[in-house]
Amino acid sequence: MKELVKAWVAESLRVKQDLLADEKTMDKIAAVAQLLVRCYRAGGKTLWAGNGGSAADAQHMAAELVNKFRMDREGLPAVALTANTSVVTAVGNDYGYDRLFVKQLEAFGRPGDVFIGISTSGNSADLLAVTPYCRERGIVTVALTGAAPCGMDAYDHVIKVPSTDTPRIQECQTLIGHILCGLVEQELFA
C-alpha cells in the first residue's frame, strides 16, 4: 500500500506541475481573479455550482468568501446553489434537474454577477443550461473543468486542469478555488 500511496502523491504533484507550467492557464486564473474583484467592487456576488464532489467544492469556496480565507474581514456575497436541499429537490421534482441552476439564477442572479461552474467532465446538463440564461442577463460564466473538450467550453472564461482523472482534477480545482479566494481577499482587503 505504501507504494500506491507514493504513486498517487507523485501523480498529484505531476498534475500540479503541469498546471503550473501552463502559462495560458496561469493567465486565465489571474484574469478570473481580476474579474471577481471587479464584480465585488461593483456590488455583485458570485454564484457557485457543481454536482457531487463539485457541489461540495462550490459550498467550500462560497464559505471561504462569505467567512474568511486567510484574514479577518467583512464577508463577501457568495452563494452555493447546491446547499439548500429543499430548493434542489423542489426544482428537480417540478422542472427536472437540468433546470436546477437556472431556476436559482432567476432568483439570485443579477447583471454583473459571476456564475462559477465546477465539473470534472464539463458536460452536466444543469451546468450547460446556464450558458444562454447568463448571456441574456449579463451574468458572467466561469468554468472549472478537466482537460477534455466539453460543453462548458462555451462559458465566458474556462480554466482547464491538465488531467482527465477525476481525483486529480478535483485536487487542482480546489487549489484554483483557493487561489481565486486568496487573490480576491488580498486585493479587496489587504
N, C-alpha and C. Protein backbone atom coordinates (compact mmCIF):
# COMPACT_ATOMS: atom_id res chain seq x y z
N MET A 1 0.80 -1.19 0.00
CA MET A 1 0.00 0.00 0.00
C MET A 1 0.85 1.27 0.00
N LYS A 2 1.98 1.23 0.70
CA LYS A 2 2.82 2.42 0.76
C LYS A 2 3.25 2.86 -0.63
N GLU A 3 3.57 1.92 -1.50
CA GLU A 3 3.99 2.27 -2.86
C GLU A 3 2.85 2.91 -3.64
N LEU A 4 1.65 2.44 -3.42
CA LEU A 4 0.48 3.04 -4.08
C LEU A 4 0.24 4.45 -3.55
N VAL A 5 0.40 4.65 -2.25
CA VAL A 5 0.28 5.99 -1.66
C VAL A 5 1.28 6.93 -2.32
N LYS A 6 2.52 6.49 -2.42
CA LYS A 6 3.56 7.32 -3.02
C LYS A 6 3.27 7.61 -4.49
N ALA A 7 2.75 6.62 -5.20
CA ALA A 7 2.41 6.82 -6.61
C ALA A 7 1.31 7.85 -6.78
N TRP A 8 0.29 7.79 -5.93
CA TRP A 8 -0.81 8.75 -6.03
C TRP A 8 -0.36 10.16 -5.66
N VAL A 9 0.47 10.29 -4.66
CA VAL A 9 1.01 11.61 -4.32
C VAL A 9 1.86 12.14 -5.48
N ALA A 10 2.67 11.27 -6.06
CA ALA A 10 3.50 11.68 -7.19
C ALA A 10 2.65 12.13 -8.37
N GLU A 11 1.57 11.41 -8.64
CA GLU A 11 0.69 11.78 -9.74
C GLU A 11 0.01 13.12 -9.46
N SER A 12 -0.40 13.35 -8.23
CA SER A 12 -1.00 14.63 -7.87
C SER A 12 0.00 15.77 -8.08
N LEU A 13 1.23 15.53 -7.67
CA LEU A 13 2.29 16.54 -7.88
C LEU A 13 2.52 16.79 -9.37
N ARG A 14 2.53 15.74 -10.16
CA ARG A 14 2.78 15.89 -11.60
C ARG A 14 1.71 16.75 -12.26
N VAL A 15 0.45 16.52 -11.90
CA VAL A 15 -0.63 17.31 -12.49
C VAL A 15 -0.51 18.76 -12.06
N LYS A 16 -0.18 19.01 -10.82
CA LYS A 16 0.01 20.39 -10.35
C LYS A 16 1.21 21.04 -11.04
N GLN A 17 2.28 20.28 -11.29
CA GLN A 17 3.42 20.83 -12.03
C GLN A 17 3.03 21.17 -13.46
N ASP A 18 2.23 20.30 -14.08
CA ASP A 18 1.74 20.59 -15.43
C ASP A 18 0.88 21.85 -15.44
N LEU A 19 0.05 21.99 -14.42
CA LEU A 19 -0.78 23.18 -14.29
C LEU A 19 0.09 24.42 -14.16
N LEU A 20 1.08 24.37 -13.30
CA LEU A 20 1.99 25.49 -13.09
C LEU A 20 2.75 25.86 -14.36
N ALA A 21 3.11 24.89 -15.16
CA ALA A 21 3.89 25.14 -16.37
C ALA A 21 3.06 25.74 -17.50
N ASP A 22 1.75 25.71 -17.38
CA ASP A 22 0.86 26.21 -18.43
C ASP A 22 0.61 27.70 -18.22
N GLU A 23 1.39 28.54 -18.88
CA GLU A 23 1.30 29.99 -18.70
C GLU A 23 -0.06 30.54 -19.08
N LYS A 24 -0.68 29.99 -20.11
CA LYS A 24 -2.01 30.46 -20.51
C LYS A 24 -3.03 30.23 -19.40
N THR A 25 -2.95 29.09 -18.75
CA THR A 25 -3.87 28.81 -17.65
C THR A 25 -3.57 29.70 -16.46
N MET A 26 -2.29 29.96 -16.19
CA MET A 26 -1.94 30.88 -15.10
C MET A 26 -2.54 32.26 -15.38
N ASP A 27 -2.46 32.71 -16.65
CA ASP A 27 -3.05 33.99 -17.04
C ASP A 27 -4.57 33.98 -16.86
N LYS A 28 -5.21 32.85 -17.20
CA LYS A 28 -6.67 32.74 -17.05
C LYS A 28 -7.07 32.83 -15.59
N ILE A 29 -6.33 32.17 -14.72
CA ILE A 29 -6.66 32.22 -13.29
C ILE A 29 -6.53 33.65 -12.78
N ALA A 30 -5.47 34.34 -13.16
CA ALA A 30 -5.29 35.73 -12.74
C ALA A 30 -6.40 36.61 -13.30
N ALA A 31 -6.78 36.38 -14.55
CA ALA A 31 -7.84 37.19 -15.17
C ALA A 31 -9.18 36.96 -14.47
N VAL A 32 -9.48 35.72 -14.11
CA VAL A 32 -10.73 35.44 -13.40
C VAL A 32 -10.70 36.08 -12.02
N ALA A 33 -9.56 36.07 -11.35
CA ALA A 33 -9.46 36.74 -10.05
C ALA A 33 -9.74 38.24 -10.21
N GLN A 34 -9.21 38.84 -11.25
CA GLN A 34 -9.47 40.26 -11.50
C GLN A 34 -10.95 40.50 -11.80
N LEU A 35 -11.55 39.59 -12.55
CA LEU A 35 -12.99 39.66 -12.84
C LEU A 35 -13.79 39.63 -11.54
N LEU A 36 -13.44 38.74 -10.62
CA LEU A 36 -14.15 38.63 -9.35
C LEU A 36 -13.98 39.90 -8.51
N VAL A 37 -12.79 40.46 -8.53
CA VAL A 37 -12.56 41.72 -7.80
C VAL A 37 -13.45 42.82 -8.36
N ARG A 38 -13.50 42.94 -9.70
CA ARG A 38 -14.37 43.95 -10.32
C ARG A 38 -15.84 43.71 -9.96
N CYS A 39 -16.25 42.46 -9.97
CA CYS A 39 -17.62 42.10 -9.60
C CYS A 39 -17.94 42.58 -8.19
N TYR A 40 -17.07 42.28 -7.25
CA TYR A 40 -17.32 42.67 -5.86
C TYR A 40 -17.26 44.18 -5.69
N ARG A 41 -16.34 44.84 -6.35
CA ARG A 41 -16.27 46.31 -6.24
C ARG A 41 -17.51 46.97 -6.80
N ALA A 42 -18.17 46.33 -7.74
CA ALA A 42 -19.39 46.88 -8.34
C ALA A 42 -20.64 46.47 -7.56
N GLY A 43 -20.47 45.77 -6.44
CA GLY A 43 -21.61 45.38 -5.62
C GLY A 43 -22.23 44.06 -6.02
N GLY A 44 -21.53 43.26 -6.83
CA GLY A 44 -22.06 41.98 -7.28
C GLY A 44 -21.73 40.84 -6.33
N LYS A 45 -22.05 39.65 -6.80
CA LYS A 45 -21.81 38.44 -6.00
C LYS A 45 -21.35 37.31 -6.90
N THR A 46 -20.85 36.27 -6.27
CA THR A 46 -20.51 35.05 -7.00
C THR A 46 -21.52 33.98 -6.65
N LEU A 47 -21.86 33.18 -7.66
CA LEU A 47 -22.81 32.08 -7.52
C LEU A 47 -22.07 30.82 -7.96
N TRP A 48 -21.90 29.89 -7.05
CA TRP A 48 -21.09 28.69 -7.27
C TRP A 48 -21.99 27.48 -7.44
N ALA A 49 -21.61 26.55 -8.34
CA ALA A 49 -22.42 25.35 -8.54
C ALA A 49 -21.58 24.20 -9.06
N GLY A 50 -22.07 23.00 -8.80
CA GLY A 50 -21.45 21.77 -9.28
C GLY A 50 -22.32 20.61 -8.82
N ASN A 51 -21.93 19.42 -9.21
CA ASN A 51 -22.66 18.20 -8.85
C ASN A 51 -21.73 17.25 -8.11
N GLY A 52 -22.28 16.50 -7.16
CA GLY A 52 -21.47 15.53 -6.42
C GLY A 52 -20.36 16.21 -5.64
N GLY A 53 -19.14 15.73 -5.83
CA GLY A 53 -17.99 16.34 -5.16
C GLY A 53 -17.82 17.80 -5.53
N SER A 54 -18.17 18.15 -6.75
CA SER A 54 -18.08 19.55 -7.19
C SER A 54 -19.10 20.43 -6.48
N ALA A 55 -20.23 19.85 -6.07
CA ALA A 55 -21.20 20.59 -5.26
C ALA A 55 -20.58 20.95 -3.92
N ALA A 56 -19.88 20.00 -3.34
CA ALA A 56 -19.20 20.26 -2.07
C ALA A 56 -18.12 21.33 -2.26
N ASP A 57 -17.40 21.27 -3.39
CA ASP A 57 -16.39 22.29 -3.67
C ASP A 57 -17.02 23.67 -3.82
N ALA A 58 -18.19 23.73 -4.46
CA ALA A 58 -18.90 25.01 -4.60
C ALA A 58 -19.24 25.59 -3.23
N GLN A 59 -19.74 24.74 -2.33
CA GLN A 59 -20.04 25.18 -0.98
C GLN A 59 -18.78 25.62 -0.24
N HIS A 60 -17.71 24.89 -0.43
CA HIS A 60 -16.44 25.20 0.22
C HIS A 60 -15.96 26.60 -0.20
N MET A 61 -15.96 26.88 -1.50
CA MET A 61 -15.44 28.17 -1.98
C MET A 61 -16.36 29.32 -1.60
N ALA A 62 -17.67 29.10 -1.64
CA ALA A 62 -18.58 30.15 -1.19
C ALA A 62 -18.32 30.48 0.28
N ALA A 63 -18.09 29.46 1.09
CA ALA A 63 -17.81 29.67 2.52
C ALA A 63 -16.52 30.46 2.72
N GLU A 64 -15.51 30.19 1.92
CA GLU A 64 -14.24 30.93 2.04
C GLU A 64 -14.46 32.42 1.80
N LEU A 65 -15.37 32.76 0.89
CA LEU A 65 -15.63 34.17 0.57
C LEU A 65 -16.56 34.82 1.59
N VAL A 66 -17.60 34.11 2.01
CA VAL A 66 -18.54 34.68 2.97
C VAL A 66 -17.87 34.89 4.32
N ASN A 67 -17.11 33.92 4.78
CA ASN A 67 -16.49 33.97 6.10
C ASN A 67 -15.13 34.65 6.03
N LYS A 68 -14.13 33.91 5.67
CA LYS A 68 -12.77 34.43 5.50
C LYS A 68 -11.94 33.35 4.84
N PHE A 69 -10.87 33.77 4.21
CA PHE A 69 -9.93 32.80 3.68
C PHE A 69 -8.69 32.80 4.57
N ARG A 70 -7.95 33.89 4.57
CA ARG A 70 -6.76 33.97 5.42
C ARG A 70 -6.83 35.11 6.44
N MET A 71 -7.68 36.08 6.21
CA MET A 71 -7.67 37.25 7.08
C MET A 71 -9.08 37.56 7.60
N ASP A 72 -9.12 38.13 8.80
CA ASP A 72 -10.40 38.60 9.33
C ASP A 72 -10.81 39.80 8.50
N ARG A 73 -12.05 39.78 8.01
CA ARG A 73 -12.53 40.83 7.14
C ARG A 73 -14.04 40.75 7.04
N GLU A 74 -14.60 41.74 6.37
CA GLU A 74 -16.03 41.75 6.07
C GLU A 74 -16.33 40.60 5.11
N GLY A 75 -17.50 39.99 5.27
CA GLY A 75 -17.90 38.90 4.38
C GLY A 75 -18.20 39.39 2.98
N LEU A 76 -17.96 38.54 2.01
CA LEU A 76 -18.28 38.83 0.61
C LEU A 76 -19.49 38.00 0.19
N PRO A 77 -20.39 38.56 -0.61
CA PRO A 77 -21.57 37.81 -1.03
C PRO A 77 -21.23 36.70 -2.01
N ALA A 78 -21.41 35.48 -1.56
CA ALA A 78 -21.16 34.29 -2.38
C ALA A 78 -22.21 33.25 -2.01
N VAL A 79 -22.80 32.64 -3.01
CA VAL A 79 -23.89 31.69 -2.78
C VAL A 79 -23.53 30.36 -3.46
N ALA A 80 -23.65 29.27 -2.74
CA ALA A 80 -23.53 27.94 -3.33
C ALA A 80 -24.93 27.48 -3.70
N LEU A 81 -25.19 27.34 -4.98
CA LEU A 81 -26.52 26.96 -5.44
C LEU A 81 -26.80 25.47 -5.23
N THR A 82 -25.94 24.83 -4.48
CA THR A 82 -26.05 23.40 -4.19
C THR A 82 -26.47 23.13 -2.76
N ALA A 83 -26.56 24.17 -1.93
CA ALA A 83 -26.62 23.98 -0.49
C ALA A 83 -28.02 23.77 0.07
N ASN A 84 -29.04 24.30 -0.55
CA ASN A 84 -30.38 24.23 0.01
C ASN A 84 -31.10 23.01 -0.56
N THR A 85 -31.16 21.95 0.23
CA THR A 85 -31.74 20.69 -0.27
C THR A 85 -33.21 20.82 -0.62
N SER A 86 -33.92 21.68 0.06
CA SER A 86 -35.34 21.87 -0.27
C SER A 86 -35.49 22.50 -1.65
N VAL A 87 -34.66 23.49 -1.96
CA VAL A 87 -34.70 24.11 -3.29
C VAL A 87 -34.26 23.10 -4.34
N VAL A 88 -33.18 22.40 -4.08
CA VAL A 88 -32.66 21.42 -5.04
C VAL A 88 -33.71 20.37 -5.38
N THR A 89 -34.35 19.82 -4.37
CA THR A 89 -35.31 18.75 -4.64
C THR A 89 -36.62 19.30 -5.20
N ALA A 90 -37.01 20.50 -4.83
CA ALA A 90 -38.23 21.09 -5.39
C ALA A 90 -38.05 21.38 -6.88
N VAL A 91 -36.93 21.99 -7.24
CA VAL A 91 -36.68 22.28 -8.66
C VAL A 91 -36.55 20.97 -9.43
N GLY A 92 -35.81 20.02 -8.88
CA GLY A 92 -35.65 18.73 -9.55
C GLY A 92 -36.98 18.04 -9.78
N ASN A 93 -37.84 18.07 -8.77
CA ASN A 93 -39.14 17.42 -8.86
C ASN A 93 -40.07 18.14 -9.84
N ASP A 94 -40.10 19.47 -9.78
CA ASP A 94 -41.07 20.23 -10.57
C ASP A 94 -40.61 20.53 -11.99
N TYR A 95 -39.31 20.74 -12.19
CA TYR A 95 -38.82 21.17 -13.50
C TYR A 95 -37.78 20.24 -14.10
N GLY A 96 -37.21 19.35 -13.30
CA GLY A 96 -36.11 18.49 -13.76
C GLY A 96 -34.78 19.07 -13.32
N TYR A 97 -33.86 18.18 -13.06
CA TYR A 97 -32.57 18.62 -12.51
C TYR A 97 -31.73 19.42 -13.51
N ASP A 98 -32.04 19.34 -14.78
CA ASP A 98 -31.30 20.16 -15.73
C ASP A 98 -31.63 21.65 -15.56
N ARG A 99 -32.72 21.98 -14.87
CA ARG A 99 -33.11 23.38 -14.62
C ARG A 99 -32.66 23.87 -13.23
N LEU A 100 -31.95 23.02 -12.50
CA LEU A 100 -31.60 23.30 -11.11
C LEU A 100 -30.93 24.66 -10.92
N PHE A 101 -29.93 24.96 -11.71
CA PHE A 101 -29.18 26.19 -11.50
C PHE A 101 -29.85 27.38 -12.19
N VAL A 102 -30.49 27.16 -13.32
CA VAL A 102 -31.19 28.26 -13.99
C VAL A 102 -32.29 28.83 -13.09
N LYS A 103 -33.08 27.96 -12.46
CA LYS A 103 -34.16 28.45 -11.58
C LYS A 103 -33.58 29.29 -10.44
N GLN A 104 -32.46 28.89 -9.91
CA GLN A 104 -31.86 29.66 -8.82
C GLN A 104 -31.24 30.96 -9.32
N LEU A 105 -30.71 30.93 -10.54
CA LEU A 105 -30.20 32.18 -11.12
C LEU A 105 -31.34 33.17 -11.35
N GLU A 106 -32.53 32.66 -11.67
CA GLU A 106 -33.68 33.55 -11.80
C GLU A 106 -33.93 34.30 -10.49
N ALA A 107 -33.74 33.62 -9.38
CA ALA A 107 -34.00 34.21 -8.07
C ALA A 107 -32.85 35.08 -7.57
N PHE A 108 -31.61 34.65 -7.80
CA PHE A 108 -30.47 35.30 -7.16
C PHE A 108 -29.55 36.05 -8.10
N GLY A 109 -29.53 35.70 -9.37
CA GLY A 109 -28.56 36.29 -10.30
C GLY A 109 -28.97 37.66 -10.78
N ARG A 110 -28.00 38.55 -10.88
CA ARG A 110 -28.21 39.90 -11.39
C ARG A 110 -27.11 40.23 -12.39
N PRO A 111 -27.37 41.14 -13.31
CA PRO A 111 -26.31 41.55 -14.26
C PRO A 111 -25.04 41.96 -13.51
N GLY A 112 -23.91 41.49 -13.99
CA GLY A 112 -22.63 41.78 -13.35
C GLY A 112 -22.18 40.74 -12.36
N ASP A 113 -23.08 39.85 -11.94
CA ASP A 113 -22.68 38.75 -11.06
C ASP A 113 -21.83 37.75 -11.84
N VAL A 114 -21.16 36.87 -11.12
CA VAL A 114 -20.33 35.84 -11.74
C VAL A 114 -20.82 34.47 -11.30
N PHE A 115 -21.15 33.62 -12.27
CA PHE A 115 -21.53 32.23 -12.02
C PHE A 115 -20.30 31.36 -12.25
N ILE A 116 -19.93 30.56 -11.26
CA ILE A 116 -18.76 29.68 -11.37
C ILE A 116 -19.24 28.24 -11.30
N GLY A 117 -19.12 27.54 -12.42
CA GLY A 117 -19.49 26.14 -12.50
C GLY A 117 -18.27 25.25 -12.37
N ILE A 118 -18.36 24.26 -11.51
CA ILE A 118 -17.25 23.33 -11.27
C ILE A 118 -17.69 21.95 -11.74
N SER A 119 -16.88 21.33 -12.61
CA SER A 119 -17.22 20.00 -13.12
C SER A 119 -15.96 19.32 -13.62
N THR A 120 -15.82 18.04 -13.33
CA THR A 120 -14.66 17.31 -13.87
C THR A 120 -14.87 16.98 -15.34
N SER A 121 -16.11 16.67 -15.73
CA SER A 121 -16.38 16.33 -17.13
C SER A 121 -16.72 17.56 -17.97
N GLY A 122 -17.36 18.54 -17.35
CA GLY A 122 -17.79 19.73 -18.07
C GLY A 122 -19.00 19.51 -18.94
N ASN A 123 -19.74 18.45 -18.69
CA ASN A 123 -20.88 18.11 -19.55
C ASN A 123 -22.19 17.90 -18.80
N SER A 124 -22.30 18.33 -17.57
CA SER A 124 -23.54 18.15 -16.81
C SER A 124 -24.63 19.07 -17.37
N ALA A 125 -25.80 18.50 -17.59
CA ALA A 125 -26.90 19.25 -18.22
C ALA A 125 -27.27 20.50 -17.43
N ASP A 126 -27.27 20.42 -16.10
CA ASP A 126 -27.66 21.60 -15.31
C ASP A 126 -26.64 22.73 -15.43
N LEU A 127 -25.37 22.38 -15.62
CA LEU A 127 -24.33 23.40 -15.79
C LEU A 127 -24.31 23.94 -17.22
N LEU A 128 -24.73 23.14 -18.19
CA LEU A 128 -24.78 23.62 -19.57
C LEU A 128 -25.99 24.54 -19.79
N ALA A 129 -27.07 24.29 -19.07
CA ALA A 129 -28.29 25.09 -19.25
C ALA A 129 -28.13 26.55 -18.85
N VAL A 130 -27.15 26.85 -18.03
CA VAL A 130 -26.99 28.23 -17.56
C VAL A 130 -26.39 29.15 -18.63
N THR A 131 -25.70 28.59 -19.61
CA THR A 131 -24.97 29.44 -20.56
C THR A 131 -25.88 30.44 -21.27
N PRO A 132 -26.94 30.00 -21.95
CA PRO A 132 -27.78 31.01 -22.62
C PRO A 132 -28.48 31.94 -21.63
N TYR A 133 -28.90 31.39 -20.49
CA TYR A 133 -29.57 32.22 -19.50
C TYR A 133 -28.65 33.35 -19.03
N CYS A 134 -27.43 33.01 -18.68
CA CYS A 134 -26.48 34.02 -18.18
C CYS A 134 -26.13 35.04 -19.26
N ARG A 135 -25.95 34.59 -20.49
CA ARG A 135 -25.63 35.53 -21.57
C ARG A 135 -26.74 36.56 -21.76
N GLU A 136 -27.98 36.11 -21.71
CA GLU A 136 -29.12 37.00 -21.89
C GLU A 136 -29.22 38.03 -20.77
N ARG A 137 -28.75 37.69 -19.60
CA ARG A 137 -28.95 38.55 -18.42
C ARG A 137 -27.69 39.20 -17.90
N GLY A 138 -26.58 39.09 -18.62
CA GLY A 138 -25.36 39.79 -18.23
C GLY A 138 -24.66 39.21 -17.02
N ILE A 139 -24.84 37.91 -16.79
CA ILE A 139 -24.11 37.20 -15.73
C ILE A 139 -22.92 36.52 -16.39
N VAL A 140 -21.74 36.79 -15.91
CA VAL A 140 -20.51 36.24 -16.49
C VAL A 140 -20.35 34.80 -16.00
N THR A 141 -19.95 33.90 -16.90
CA THR A 141 -19.77 32.49 -16.53
C THR A 141 -18.30 32.11 -16.51
N VAL A 142 -17.93 31.34 -15.51
CA VAL A 142 -16.57 30.82 -15.35
C VAL A 142 -16.69 29.31 -15.17
N ALA A 143 -15.95 28.55 -15.94
CA ALA A 143 -15.94 27.09 -15.83
C ALA A 143 -14.61 26.61 -15.27
N LEU A 144 -14.68 25.69 -14.30
CA LEU A 144 -13.51 24.95 -13.84
C LEU A 144 -13.75 23.51 -14.26
N THR A 145 -12.96 23.00 -15.22
CA THR A 145 -13.17 21.68 -15.77
C THR A 145 -11.86 20.91 -15.88
N GLY A 146 -11.98 19.67 -16.36
CA GLY A 146 -10.81 18.88 -16.70
C GLY A 146 -10.33 19.22 -18.09
N ALA A 147 -9.35 18.47 -18.58
CA ALA A 147 -8.68 18.79 -19.83
C ALA A 147 -9.49 18.48 -21.09
N ALA A 148 -10.42 17.56 -21.00
CA ALA A 148 -11.14 17.12 -22.20
C ALA A 148 -12.05 18.23 -22.74
N PRO A 149 -12.22 18.28 -24.07
CA PRO A 149 -13.21 19.21 -24.63
C PRO A 149 -14.58 18.89 -24.04
N CYS A 150 -15.39 19.93 -23.80
CA CYS A 150 -16.67 19.72 -23.13
C CYS A 150 -17.64 20.85 -23.45
N GLY A 151 -18.88 20.65 -23.05
CA GLY A 151 -19.91 21.65 -23.26
C GLY A 151 -19.65 22.96 -22.53
N MET A 152 -18.98 22.89 -21.39
CA MET A 152 -18.70 24.11 -20.63
C MET A 152 -17.62 24.97 -21.28
N ASP A 153 -17.03 24.48 -22.37
CA ASP A 153 -16.09 25.30 -23.13
C ASP A 153 -16.78 26.53 -23.70
N ALA A 154 -18.11 26.55 -23.71
CA ALA A 154 -18.88 27.70 -24.20
C ALA A 154 -19.00 28.80 -23.14
N TYR A 155 -18.55 28.56 -21.92
CA TYR A 155 -18.59 29.59 -20.88
C TYR A 155 -17.70 30.77 -21.30
N ASP A 156 -17.89 31.92 -20.65
CA ASP A 156 -17.10 33.11 -20.95
C ASP A 156 -15.62 32.91 -20.63
N HIS A 157 -15.34 32.27 -19.52
CA HIS A 157 -13.97 32.01 -19.07
C HIS A 157 -13.87 30.54 -18.68
N VAL A 158 -12.87 29.84 -19.20
CA VAL A 158 -12.72 28.41 -18.95
C VAL A 158 -11.31 28.15 -18.43
N ILE A 159 -11.24 27.55 -17.25
CA ILE A 159 -9.97 27.14 -16.65
C ILE A 159 -9.96 25.62 -16.63
N LYS A 160 -9.05 25.04 -17.40
CA LYS A 160 -8.97 23.59 -17.53
C LYS A 160 -7.79 23.04 -16.74
N VAL A 161 -8.05 22.02 -15.96
CA VAL A 161 -6.99 21.29 -15.25
C VAL A 161 -6.40 20.29 -16.25
N PRO A 162 -5.07 20.20 -16.35
CA PRO A 162 -4.44 19.32 -17.33
C PRO A 162 -4.47 17.84 -16.95
N SER A 163 -5.67 17.31 -16.83
CA SER A 163 -5.84 15.90 -16.48
C SER A 163 -7.24 15.46 -16.89
N THR A 164 -7.40 14.15 -17.07
CA THR A 164 -8.73 13.57 -17.28
C THR A 164 -9.10 12.63 -16.14
N ASP A 165 -8.29 12.60 -15.10
CA ASP A 165 -8.51 11.74 -13.94
C ASP A 165 -9.26 12.53 -12.86
N THR A 166 -10.47 12.09 -12.54
CA THR A 166 -11.36 12.85 -11.66
C THR A 166 -10.70 13.31 -10.36
N PRO A 167 -10.04 12.43 -9.58
CA PRO A 167 -9.45 12.91 -8.33
C PRO A 167 -8.39 13.99 -8.55
N ARG A 168 -7.57 13.84 -9.60
CA ARG A 168 -6.53 14.85 -9.85
C ARG A 168 -7.16 16.17 -10.27
N ILE A 169 -8.23 16.11 -11.06
CA ILE A 169 -8.93 17.34 -11.47
C ILE A 169 -9.48 18.04 -10.23
N GLN A 170 -10.15 17.28 -9.37
CA GLN A 170 -10.76 17.88 -8.17
C GLN A 170 -9.71 18.51 -7.26
N GLU A 171 -8.56 17.85 -7.12
CA GLU A 171 -7.49 18.41 -6.28
C GLU A 171 -7.03 19.75 -6.82
N CYS A 172 -6.88 19.85 -8.12
CA CYS A 172 -6.44 21.11 -8.72
C CYS A 172 -7.55 22.16 -8.70
N GLN A 173 -8.80 21.73 -8.84
CA GLN A 173 -9.90 22.70 -8.77
C GLN A 173 -9.97 23.33 -7.38
N THR A 174 -9.71 22.56 -6.35
CA THR A 174 -9.66 23.13 -5.00
C THR A 174 -8.52 24.13 -4.90
N LEU A 175 -7.36 23.78 -5.44
CA LEU A 175 -6.22 24.69 -5.44
C LEU A 175 -6.58 25.99 -6.17
N ILE A 176 -7.17 25.87 -7.36
CA ILE A 176 -7.55 27.05 -8.14
C ILE A 176 -8.58 27.89 -7.37
N GLY A 177 -9.56 27.25 -6.77
CA GLY A 177 -10.54 27.97 -5.97
C GLY A 177 -9.89 28.72 -4.82
N HIS A 178 -8.96 28.07 -4.14
CA HIS A 178 -8.24 28.74 -3.06
C HIS A 178 -7.44 29.93 -3.57
N ILE A 179 -6.81 29.77 -4.71
CA ILE A 179 -6.06 30.89 -5.30
C ILE A 179 -7.00 32.06 -5.60
N LEU A 180 -8.15 31.76 -6.21
CA LEU A 180 -9.11 32.82 -6.52
C LEU A 180 -9.55 33.53 -5.25
N CYS A 181 -9.92 32.77 -4.22
CA CYS A 181 -10.36 33.37 -2.96
C CYS A 181 -9.25 34.21 -2.33
N GLY A 182 -8.04 33.69 -2.36
CA GLY A 182 -6.90 34.41 -1.78
C GLY A 182 -6.60 35.70 -2.51
N LEU A 183 -6.64 35.67 -3.84
CA LEU A 183 -6.35 36.88 -4.61
C LEU A 183 -7.45 37.93 -4.42
N VAL A 184 -8.70 37.50 -4.39
CA VAL A 184 -9.80 38.43 -4.15
C VAL A 184 -9.65 39.08 -2.78
N GLU A 185 -9.43 38.27 -1.78
CA GLU A 185 -9.27 38.78 -0.41
C GLU A 185 -8.10 39.75 -0.32
N GLN A 186 -6.98 39.38 -0.92
CA GLN A 186 -5.77 40.23 -0.88
C GLN A 186 -6.05 41.57 -1.54
N GLU A 187 -6.68 41.54 -2.70
CA GLU A 187 -6.92 42.76 -3.46
C GLU A 187 -7.94 43.68 -2.77
N LEU A 188 -8.97 43.10 -2.19
CA LEU A 188 -10.02 43.91 -1.60
C LEU A 188 -9.75 44.36 -0.16
N PHE A 189 -8.93 43.59 0.56
CA PHE A 189 -8.82 43.87 2.00
C PHE A 189 -7.41 44.09 2.53
N ALA A 190 -6.39 43.80 1.75
CA ALA A 190 -5.02 43.93 2.28
C ALA A 190 -4.64 45.41 2.44
